Amino acid sequence: MKLINIGFGNIVPADKVIAIISPESAPIKRVVREADEKGKLINATYGRRTRAVLVTSSDHIILSALQPETISNRLNQEETSNE
């Protein structure tokens, strides 16, 4: 199982991440709010500003303080190092 660091020592399984999205748009804010209401929101920002929203295959939404590009680069590094 490949794991990806999403900041501050938080790690998620790479194969469960469907999308890494910037949180600025209204539809994404709505998705985050709905996930919070359903109890499916995981806030891994440690009080910092949310810069990336990760959508998982289990319908959980994970908030990260890292840029989407940073998380994507870490995910790509994991894939190339395992080949």
PDB file of N, CA and C in Angstrom:
ATOM      1  N   MET A   1       0.845  -1.172   0.000  1.00  0.00           N
ATOM      2  CA  MET A   1       0.000   0.000   0.000  1.00  0.00           C
ATOM      3  C   MET A   1       0.895   1.241   0.000  1.00  0.00           C
ATOM      4  N   LYS A   2       0.637   2.148  -0.927  1.00  0.00           N
ATOM      5  CA  LYS A   2       1.380   3.401  -1.003  1.00  0.00           C
ATOM      6  C   LYS A   2       0.706   4.424  -0.099  1.00  0.00           C
ATOM      7  N   LEU A   3       1.512   5.145   0.663  1.00  0.00           N
ATOM      8  CA  LEU A   3       1.006   6.186   1.554  1.00  0.00           C
ATOM      9  C   LEU A   3       1.552   7.528   1.097  1.00  0.00           C
ATOM     10  N   ILE A   4       0.759   8.561   1.267  1.00  0.00           N
ATOM     11  CA  ILE A   4       1.175   9.908   0.865  1.00  0.00           C
ATOM     12  C   ILE A   4       1.036  10.846   2.065  1.00  0.00           C
ATOM     13  N   ASN A   5       2.076  11.630   2.312  1.00  0.00           N
ATOM     14  CA  ASN A   5       2.085  12.596   3.407  1.00  0.00           C
ATOM     15  C   ASN A   5       1.329  13.841   2.957  1.00  0.00           C
ATOM     16  N   ILE A   6       0.282  14.211   3.704  1.00  0.00           N
ATOM     17  CA  ILE A   6      -0.503  15.400   3.351  1.00  0.00           C
ATOM     18  C   ILE A   6      -0.216  16.569   4.297  1.00  0.00           C
ATOM     19  N   GLY A   7       0.861  16.453   5.057  1.00  0.00           N
ATOM     20  CA  GLY A   7       1.285  17.550   5.918  1.00  0.00           C
ATOM     21  C   GLY A   7       1.119  17.258   7.390  1.00  0.00           C
ATOM     22  N   PHE A   8       2.046  17.756   8.186  1.00  0.00           N
ATOM     23  CA  PHE A   8       2.024  17.681   9.648  1.00  0.00           C
ATOM     24  C   PHE A   8       1.947  16.237  10.147  1.00  0.00           C
ATOM     25  N   GLY A   9       2.587  15.321   9.432  1.00  0.00           N
ATOM     26  CA  GLY A   9       2.618  13.933   9.854  1.00  0.00           C
ATOM     27  C   GLY A   9       1.362  13.148   9.529  1.00  0.00           C
ATOM     28  N   ASN A  10       0.444  13.723   8.781  1.00  0.00           N
ATOM     29  CA  ASN A  10      -0.772  13.026   8.395  1.00  0.00           C
ATOM     30  C   ASN A  10      -0.539  12.294   7.081  1.00  0.00           C
ATOM     31  N   ILE A  11      -0.961  11.037   7.050  1.00  0.00           N
ATOM     32  CA  ILE A  11      -0.696  10.188   5.899  1.00  0.00           C
ATOM     33  C   ILE A  11      -2.000   9.516   5.470  1.00  0.00           C
ATOM     34  N   VAL A  12      -2.241   9.477   4.161  1.00  0.00           N
ATOM     35  CA  VAL A  12      -3.424   8.804   3.619  1.00  0.00           C
ATOM     36  C   VAL A  12      -2.978   7.787   2.571  1.00  0.00           C
ATOM     37  N   PRO A  13      -3.764   6.727   2.383  1.00  0.00           N
ATOM     38  CA  PRO A  13      -3.438   5.752   1.334  1.00  0.00           C
ATOM     39  C   PRO A  13      -3.589   6.389  -0.049  1.00  0.00           C
ATOM     40  N   ALA A  14      -2.554   6.316  -0.850  1.00  0.00           N
ATOM     41  CA  ALA A  14      -2.565   6.962  -2.159  1.00  0.00           C
ATOM     42  C   ALA A  14      -3.618   6.362  -3.085  1.00  0.00           C
ATOM     43  N   ASP A  15      -3.885   5.069  -2.957  1.00  0.00           N
ATOM     44  CA  ASP A  15      -4.846   4.445  -3.854  1.00  0.00           C
ATOM     45  C   ASP A  15      -6.293   4.811  -3.534  1.00  0.00           C
ATOM     46  N   LYS A  16      -6.543   5.461  -2.402  1.00  0.00           N
ATOM     47  CA  LYS A  16      -7.894   5.891  -2.025  1.00  0.00           C
ATOM     48  C   LYS A  16      -8.196   7.319  -2.462  1.00  0.00           C
ATOM     49  N   VAL A  17      -7.182   8.073  -2.857  1.00  0.00           N
ATOM     50  CA  VAL A  17      -7.382   9.473  -3.260  1.00  0.00           C
ATOM     51  C   VAL A  17      -7.874   9.508  -4.698  1.00  0.00           C
ATOM     52  N   ILE A  18      -9.057  10.103  -4.895  1.00  0.00           N
ATOM     53  CA  ILE A  18      -9.642  10.231  -6.228  1.00  0.00           C
ATOM     54  C   ILE A  18      -9.259  11.561  -6.857  1.00  0.00           C
ATOM     55  N   ALA A  19      -9.279  12.634  -6.055  1.00  0.00           N
ATOM     56  CA  ALA A  19      -8.994  13.964  -6.596  1.00  0.00           C
ATOM     57  C   ALA A  19      -8.347  14.835  -5.536  1.00  0.00           C
ATOM     58  N   ILE A  20      -7.520  15.777  -6.009  1.00  0.00           N
ATOM     59  CA  ILE A  20      -6.909  16.798  -5.162  1.00  0.00           C
ATOM     60  C   ILE A  20      -7.331  18.128  -5.762  1.00  0.00           C
ATOM     61  N   ILE A  21      -8.104  18.910  -5.011  1.00  0.00           N
ATOM     62  CA  ILE A  21      -8.768  20.089  -5.551  1.00  0.00           C
ATOM     63  C   ILE A  21      -8.435  21.320  -4.723  1.00  0.00           C
ATOM     64  N   SER A  22      -8.375  22.461  -5.389  1.00  0.00           N
ATOM     65  CA  SER A  22      -8.236  23.740  -4.706  1.00  0.00           C
ATOM     66  C   SER A  22      -9.586  24.109  -4.081  1.00  0.00           C
ATOM     67  N   PRO A  23      -9.602  24.680  -2.877  1.00  0.00           N
ATOM     68  CA  PRO A  23     -10.865  24.886  -2.153  1.00  0.00           C
ATOM     69  C   PRO A  23     -11.602  26.200  -2.422  1.00  0.00           C
ATOM     70  N   GLU A  24     -11.169  26.990  -3.385  1.00  0.00           N
ATOM     71  CA  GLU A  24     -11.747  28.324  -3.540  1.00  0.00           C
ATOM     72  C   GLU A  24     -13.139  28.375  -4.152  1.00  0.00           C
ATOM     73  N   SER A  25     -13.513  27.434  -4.996  1.00  0.00           N
ATOM     74  CA  SER A  25     -14.780  27.545  -5.711  1.00  0.00           C
ATOM     75  C   SER A  25     -15.985  27.240  -4.816  1.00  0.00           C
ATOM     76  N   ALA A  26     -17.110  27.819  -5.158  1.00  0.00           N
ATOM     77  CA  ALA A  26     -18.338  27.624  -4.383  1.00  0.00           C
ATOM     78  C   ALA A  26     -18.792  26.165  -4.355  1.00  0.00           C
ATOM     79  N   PRO A  27     -18.720  25.425  -5.472  1.00  0.00           N
ATOM     80  CA  PRO A  27     -19.136  24.014  -5.403  1.00  0.00           C
ATOM     81  C   PRO A  27     -18.275  23.178  -4.453  1.00  0.00           C
ATOM     82  N   ILE A  28     -16.984  23.450  -4.400  1.00  0.00           N
ATOM     83  CA  ILE A  28     -16.114  22.706  -3.487  1.00  0.00           C
ATOM     84  C   ILE A  28     -16.417  23.084  -2.042  1.00  0.00           C
ATOM     85  N   LYS A  29     -16.682  24.357  -1.792  1.00  0.00           N
ATOM     86  CA  LYS A  29     -17.062  24.777  -0.443  1.00  0.00           C
ATOM     87  C   LYS A  29     -18.342  24.074  -0.011  1.00  0.00           C
ATOM     88  N   ARG A  30     -19.273  23.887  -0.947  1.00  0.00           N
ATOM     89  CA  ARG A  30     -20.526  23.194  -0.662  1.00  0.00           C
ATOM     90  C   ARG A  30     -20.254  21.714  -0.347  1.00  0.00           C
ATOM     91  N   VAL A  31     -19.377  21.088  -1.105  1.00  0.00           N
ATOM     92  CA  VAL A  31     -19.015  19.685  -0.866  1.00  0.00           C
ATOM     93  C   VAL A  31     -18.402  19.537   0.526  1.00  0.00           C
ATOM     94  N   VAL A  32     -17.527  20.457   0.904  1.00  0.00           N
ATOM     95  CA  VAL A  32     -16.893  20.417   2.224  1.00  0.00           C
ATOM     96  C   VAL A  32     -17.940  20.583   3.325  1.00  0.00           C
ATOM     97  N   ARG A  33     -18.855  21.531   3.146  1.00  0.00           N
ATOM     98  CA  ARG A  33     -19.899  21.763   4.150  1.00  0.00           C
ATOM     99  C   ARG A  33     -20.797  20.531   4.302  1.00  0.00           C
ATOM    100  N   GLU A  34     -21.179  19.915   3.178  1.00  0.00           N
ATOM    101  CA  GLU A  34     -22.029  18.725   3.220  1.00  0.00           C
ATOM    102  C   GLU A  34     -21.312  17.547   3.876  1.00  0.00           C
ATOM    103  N   ALA A  35     -20.020  17.399   3.604  1.00  0.00           N
ATOM    104  CA  ALA A  35     -19.242  16.325   4.241  1.00  0.00           C
ATOM    105  C   ALA A  35     -19.170  16.537   5.747  1.00  0.00           C
ATOM    106  N   ASP A  36     -19.039  17.792   6.173  1.00  0.00           N
ATOM    107  CA  ASP A  36     -19.002  18.105   7.598  1.00  0.00           C
ATOM    108  C   ASP A  36     -20.325  17.734   8.255  1.00  0.00           C
ATOM    109  N   GLU A  37     -21.433  18.047   7.591  1.00  0.00           N
ATOM    110  CA  GLU A  37     -22.758  17.733   8.132  1.00  0.00           C
ATOM    111  C   GLU A  37     -22.973  16.221   8.233  1.00  0.00           C
ATOM    112  N   LYS A  38     -22.396  15.459   7.307  1.00  0.00           N
ATOM    113  CA  LYS A  38     -22.556  13.995   7.300  1.00  0.00           C
ATOM    114  C   LYS A  38     -21.533  13.290   8.188  1.00  0.00           C
ATOM    115  N   GLY A  39     -20.585  14.041   8.738  1.00  0.00           N
ATOM    116  CA  GLY A  39     -19.545  13.432   9.563  1.00  0.00           C
ATOM    117  C   GLY A  39     -18.459  12.759   8.742  1.00  0.00           C
ATOM    118  N   LYS A  40     -18.292  13.179   7.490  1.00  0.00           N
ATOM    119  CA  LYS A  40     -17.299  12.578   6.592  1.00  0.00           C
ATOM    120  C   LYS A  40     -16.144  13.532   6.292  1.00  0.00           C
ATOM    121  N   LEU A  41     -15.987  14.573   7.089  1.00  0.00           N
ATOM    122  CA  LEU A  41     -14.924  15.552   6.879  1.00  0.00           C
ATOM    123  C   LEU A  41     -13.771  15.279   7.840  1.00  0.00           C
ATOM    124  N   ILE A  42     -12.568  15.257   7.288  1.00  0.00           N
ATOM    125  CA  ILE A  42     -11.358  15.097   8.095  1.00  0.00           C
ATOM    126  C   ILE A  42     -10.517  16.349   7.899  1.00  0.00           C
ATOM    127  N   ASN A  43     -10.328  17.111   8.972  1.00  0.00           N
ATOM    128  CA  ASN A  43      -9.582  18.352   8.900  1.00  0.00           C
ATOM    129  C   ASN A  43      -8.154  18.104   9.373  1.00  0.00           C
ATOM    130  N   ALA A  44      -7.215  18.101   8.430  1.00  0.00           N
ATOM    131  CA  ALA A  44      -5.805  17.847   8.754  1.00  0.00           C
ATOM    132  C   ALA A  44      -4.968  19.112   8.577  1.00  0.00           C
ATOM    133  N   THR A  45      -5.579  20.279   8.807  1.00  0.00           N
ATOM    134  CA  THR A  45      -4.883  21.549   8.589  1.00  0.00           C
ATOM    135  C   THR A  45      -4.186  22.070   9.844  1.00  0.00           C
ATOM    136  N   TYR A  46      -4.513  21.535  10.999  1.00  0.00           N
ATOM    137  CA  TYR A  46      -3.942  22.004  12.267  1.00  0.00           C
ATOM    138  C   TYR A  46      -4.146  23.502  12.461  1.00  0.00           C
ATOM    139  N   GLY A  47      -5.325  23.982  12.085  1.00  0.00           N
ATOM    140  CA  GLY A  47      -5.676  25.376  12.291  1.00  0.00           C
ATOM    141  C   GLY A  47      -5.173  26.330  11.229  1.00  0.00           C
ATOM    142  N   ARG A  48      -4.462  25.819  10.265  1.00  0.00           N
ATOM    143  CA  ARG A  48      -3.964  26.678   9.186  1.00  0.00           C
ATOM    144  C   ARG A  48      -4.992  26.769   8.070  1.00  0.00           C
ATOM    145  N   ARG A  49      -4.717  27.619   7.125  1.00  0.00           N
ATOM    146  CA  ARG A  49      -5.620  27.829   6.001  1.00  0.00           C
ATOM    147  C   ARG A  49      -5.682  26.574   5.120  1.00  0.00           C
ATOM    148  N   THR A  50      -6.887  26.198   4.703  1.00  0.00           N
ATOM    149  CA  THR A  50      -7.062  25.050   3.815  1.00  0.00           C
ATOM    150  C   THR A  50      -6.607  25.426   2.418  1.00  0.00           C
ATOM    151  N   ARG A  51      -5.674  24.657   1.873  1.00  0.00           N
ATOM    152  CA  ARG A  51      -5.162  24.926   0.535  1.00  0.00           C
ATOM    153  C   ARG A  51      -5.452  23.801  -0.432  1.00  0.00           C
ATOM    154  N   ALA A  52      -5.811  22.618   0.092  1.00  0.00           N
ATOM    155  CA  ALA A  52      -6.144  21.490  -0.782  1.00  0.00           C
ATOM    156  C   ALA A  52      -7.268  20.674  -0.155  1.00  0.00           C
ATOM    157  N   VAL A  53      -8.144  20.183  -1.013  1.00  0.00           N
ATOM    158  CA  VAL A  53      -9.235  19.309  -0.603  1.00  0.00           C
ATOM    159  C   VAL A  53      -9.023  17.980  -1.315  1.00  0.00           C
ATOM    160  N   LEU A  54      -8.926  16.909  -0.544  1.00  0.00           N
ATOM    161  CA  LEU A  54      -8.745  15.579  -1.118  1.00  0.00           C
ATOM    162  C   LEU A  54     -10.070  14.828  -1.040  1.00  0.00           C
ATOM    163  N   VAL A  55     -10.476  14.275  -2.164  1.00  0.00           N
ATOM    164  CA  VAL A  55     -11.685  13.466  -2.237  1.00  0.00           C
ATOM    165  C   VAL A  55     -11.237  12.013  -2.270  1.00  0.00           C
ATOM    166  N   THR A  56     -11.835  11.179  -1.413  1.00  0.00           N
ATOM    167  CA  THR A  56     -11.432   9.779  -1.340  1.00  0.00           C
ATOM    168  C   THR A  56     -12.526   8.868  -1.886  1.00  0.00           C
ATOM    169  N   SER A  57     -12.152   7.635  -2.140  1.00  0.00           N
ATOM    170  CA  SER A  57     -13.100   6.659  -2.678  1.00  0.00           C
ATOM    171  C   SER A  57     -14.164   6.262  -1.655  1.00  0.00           C
ATOM    172  N   SER A  58     -13.934   6.533  -0.387  1.00  0.00           N
ATOM    173  CA  SER A  58     -14.914   6.221   0.659  1.00  0.00           C
ATOM    174  C   SER A  58     -15.840   7.406   0.948  1.00  0.00           C
ATOM    175  N   ASP A  59     -15.858   8.393   0.054  1.00  0.00           N
ATOM    176  CA  ASP A  59     -16.679   9.608   0.181  1.00  0.00           C
ATOM    177  C   ASP A  59     -16.265  10.497   1.346  1.00  0.00           C
ATOM    178  N   HIS A  60     -15.066  10.302   1.876  1.00  0.00           N
ATOM    179  CA  HIS A  60     -14.532  11.214   2.880  1.00  0.00           C
ATOM    180  C   HIS A  60     -13.864  12.382   2.167  1.00  0.00           C
ATOM    181  N   ILE A  61     -13.922  13.533   2.788  1.00  0.00           N
ATOM    182  CA  ILE A  61     -13.257  14.736   2.298  1.00  0.00           C
ATOM    183  C   ILE A  61     -12.179  15.080   3.313  1.00  0.00           C
ATOM    184  N   ILE A  62     -10.949  15.254   2.822  1.00  0.00           N
ATOM    185  CA  ILE A  62      -9.822  15.561   3.700  1.00  0.00           C
ATOM    186  C   ILE A  62      -9.292  16.942   3.354  1.00  0.00           C
ATOM    187  N   LEU A  63      -9.149  17.798   4.366  1.00  0.00           N
ATOM    188  CA  LEU A  63      -8.607  19.140   4.177  1.00  0.00           C
ATOM    189  C   LEU A  63      -7.132  19.138   4.540  1.00  0.00           C
ATOM    190  N   SER A  64      -6.324  19.776   3.709  1.00  0.00           N
ATOM    191  CA  SER A  64      -4.883  19.852   3.949  1.00  0.00           C
ATOM    192  C   SER A  64      -4.410  21.292   3.817  1.00  0.00           C
ATOM    193  N   ALA A  65      -3.375  21.636   4.555  1.00  0.00           N
ATOM    194  CA  ALA A  65      -2.794  22.971   4.485  1.00  0.00           C
ATOM    195  C   ALA A  65      -1.721  23.062   3.401  1.00  0.00           C
ATOM    196  N   LEU A  66      -1.428  21.949   2.735  1.00  0.00           N
ATOM    197  CA  LEU A  66      -0.448  21.962   1.652  1.00  0.00           C
ATOM    198  C   LEU A  66      -1.120  22.311   0.329  1.00  0.00           C
ATOM    199  N   GLN A  67      -0.339  22.868  -0.578  1.00  0.00           N
ATOM    200  CA  GLN A  67      -0.840  23.186  -1.915  1.00  0.00           C
ATOM    201  C   GLN A  67      -1.168  21.898  -2.664  1.00  0.00           C
ATOM    202  N   PRO A  68      -2.193  21.910  -3.540  1.00  0.00           N
ATOM    203  CA  PRO A  68      -2.499  20.717  -4.335  1.00  0.00           C
ATOM    204  C   PRO A  68      -1.300  20.235  -5.155  1.00  0.00           C
ATOM    205  N   GLU A  69      -0.508  21.167  -5.662  1.00  0.00           N
ATOM    206  CA  GLU A  69       0.664  20.796  -6.462  1.00  0.00           C
ATOM    207  C   GLU A  69       1.683  20.014  -5.626  1.00  0.00           C
ATOM    208  N   THR A  70       1.857  20.413  -4.374  1.00  0.00           N
ATOM    209  CA  THR A  70       2.796  19.730  -3.488  1.00  0.00           C
ATOM    210  C   THR A  70       2.350  18.296  -3.232  1.00  0.00           C
ATOM    211  N   ILE A  71       1.069  18.117  -2.955  1.00  0.00           N
ATOM    212  CA  ILE A  71       0.547  16.775  -2.708  1.00  0.00           C
ATOM    213  C   ILE A  71       0.654  15.933  -3.975  1.00  0.00           C
ATOM    214  N   SER A  72       0.340  16.526  -5.111  1.00  0.00           N
ATOM    215  CA  SER A  72       0.436  15.820  -6.389  1.00  0.00           C
ATOM    216  C   SER A  72       1.867  15.393  -6.675  1.00  0.00           C
ATOM    217  N   ASN A  73       2.825  16.280  -6.417  1.00  0.00           N
ATOM    218  CA  ASN A  73       4.231  15.937  -6.618  1.00  0.00           C
ATOM    219  C   ASN A  73       4.662  14.786  -5.714  1.00  0.00           C
ATOM    220  N   ARG A  74       4.201  14.797  -4.473  1.00  0.00           N
ATOM    221  CA  ARG A  74       4.535  13.707  -3.552  1.00  0.00           C
ATOM    222  C   ARG A  74       3.920  12.392  -4.029  1.00  0.00           C
ATOM    223  N   LEU A  75       2.720  12.466  -4.545  1.00  0.00           N
ATOM    224  CA  LEU A  75       2.060  11.279  -5.080  1.00  0.00           C
ATOM    225  C   LEU A  75       2.812  10.749  -6.293  1.00  0.00           C
ATOM    226  N   ASN A  76       3.230  11.632  -7.177  1.00  0.00           N
ATOM    227  CA  ASN A  76       3.979  11.222  -8.368  1.00  0.00           C
ATOM    228  C   ASN A  76       5.352  10.673  -8.002  1.00  0.00           C
ATOM    229  N   GLN A  77       6.002  11.247  -6.993  1.00  0.00           N
ATOM    230  CA  GLN A  77       7.295  10.731  -6.539  1.00  0.00           C
ATOM    231  C   GLN A  77       7.164   9.317  -6.009  1.00  0.00           C
ATOM    232  N   GLU A  78       6.082   9.041  -5.292  1.00  0.00           N
ATOM    233  CA  GLU A  78       5.829   7.701  -4.767  1.00  0.00           C
ATOM    234  C   GLU A  78       5.687   6.708  -5.906  1.00  0.00           C
ATOM    235  N   GLU A  79       4.957   7.087  -6.954  1.00  0.00           N
ATOM    236  CA  GLU A  79       4.718   6.199  -8.083  1.00  0.00           C
ATOM    237  C   GLU A  79       6.019   5.909  -8.843  1.00  0.00           C
ATOM    238  N   THR A  80       6.850   6.929  -9.064  1.00  0.00           N
ATOM    239  CA  THR A  80       8.073   6.719  -9.824  1.00  0.00           C
ATOM    240  C   THR A  80       9.124   5.957  -9.011  1.00  0.00           C
ATOM    241  N   SER A  81       9.131   6.116  -7.686  1.00  0.00           N
ATOM    242  CA  SER A  81      10.119   5.406  -6.872  1.00  0.00           C
ATOM    243  C   SER A  81       9.778   3.928  -6.732  1.00  0.00           C
ATOM    244  N   ASN A  82       8.521   3.565  -6.927  1.00  0.00           N
ATOM    245  CA  ASN A  82       8.119   2.167  -6.800  1.00  0.00           C
ATOM    246  C   ASN A  82       8.211   1.400  -8.121  1.00  0.00           C
ATOM    247  N   GLU A  83       8.523   2.060  -9.204  1.00  0.00           N
ATOM    248  CA  GLU A  83       8.602   1.372 -10.507  1.00  0.00           C
ATOM    249  C   GLU A  83       9.946   0.754 -10.722  1.00  0.00           C
TER     250      GLU A  83
END
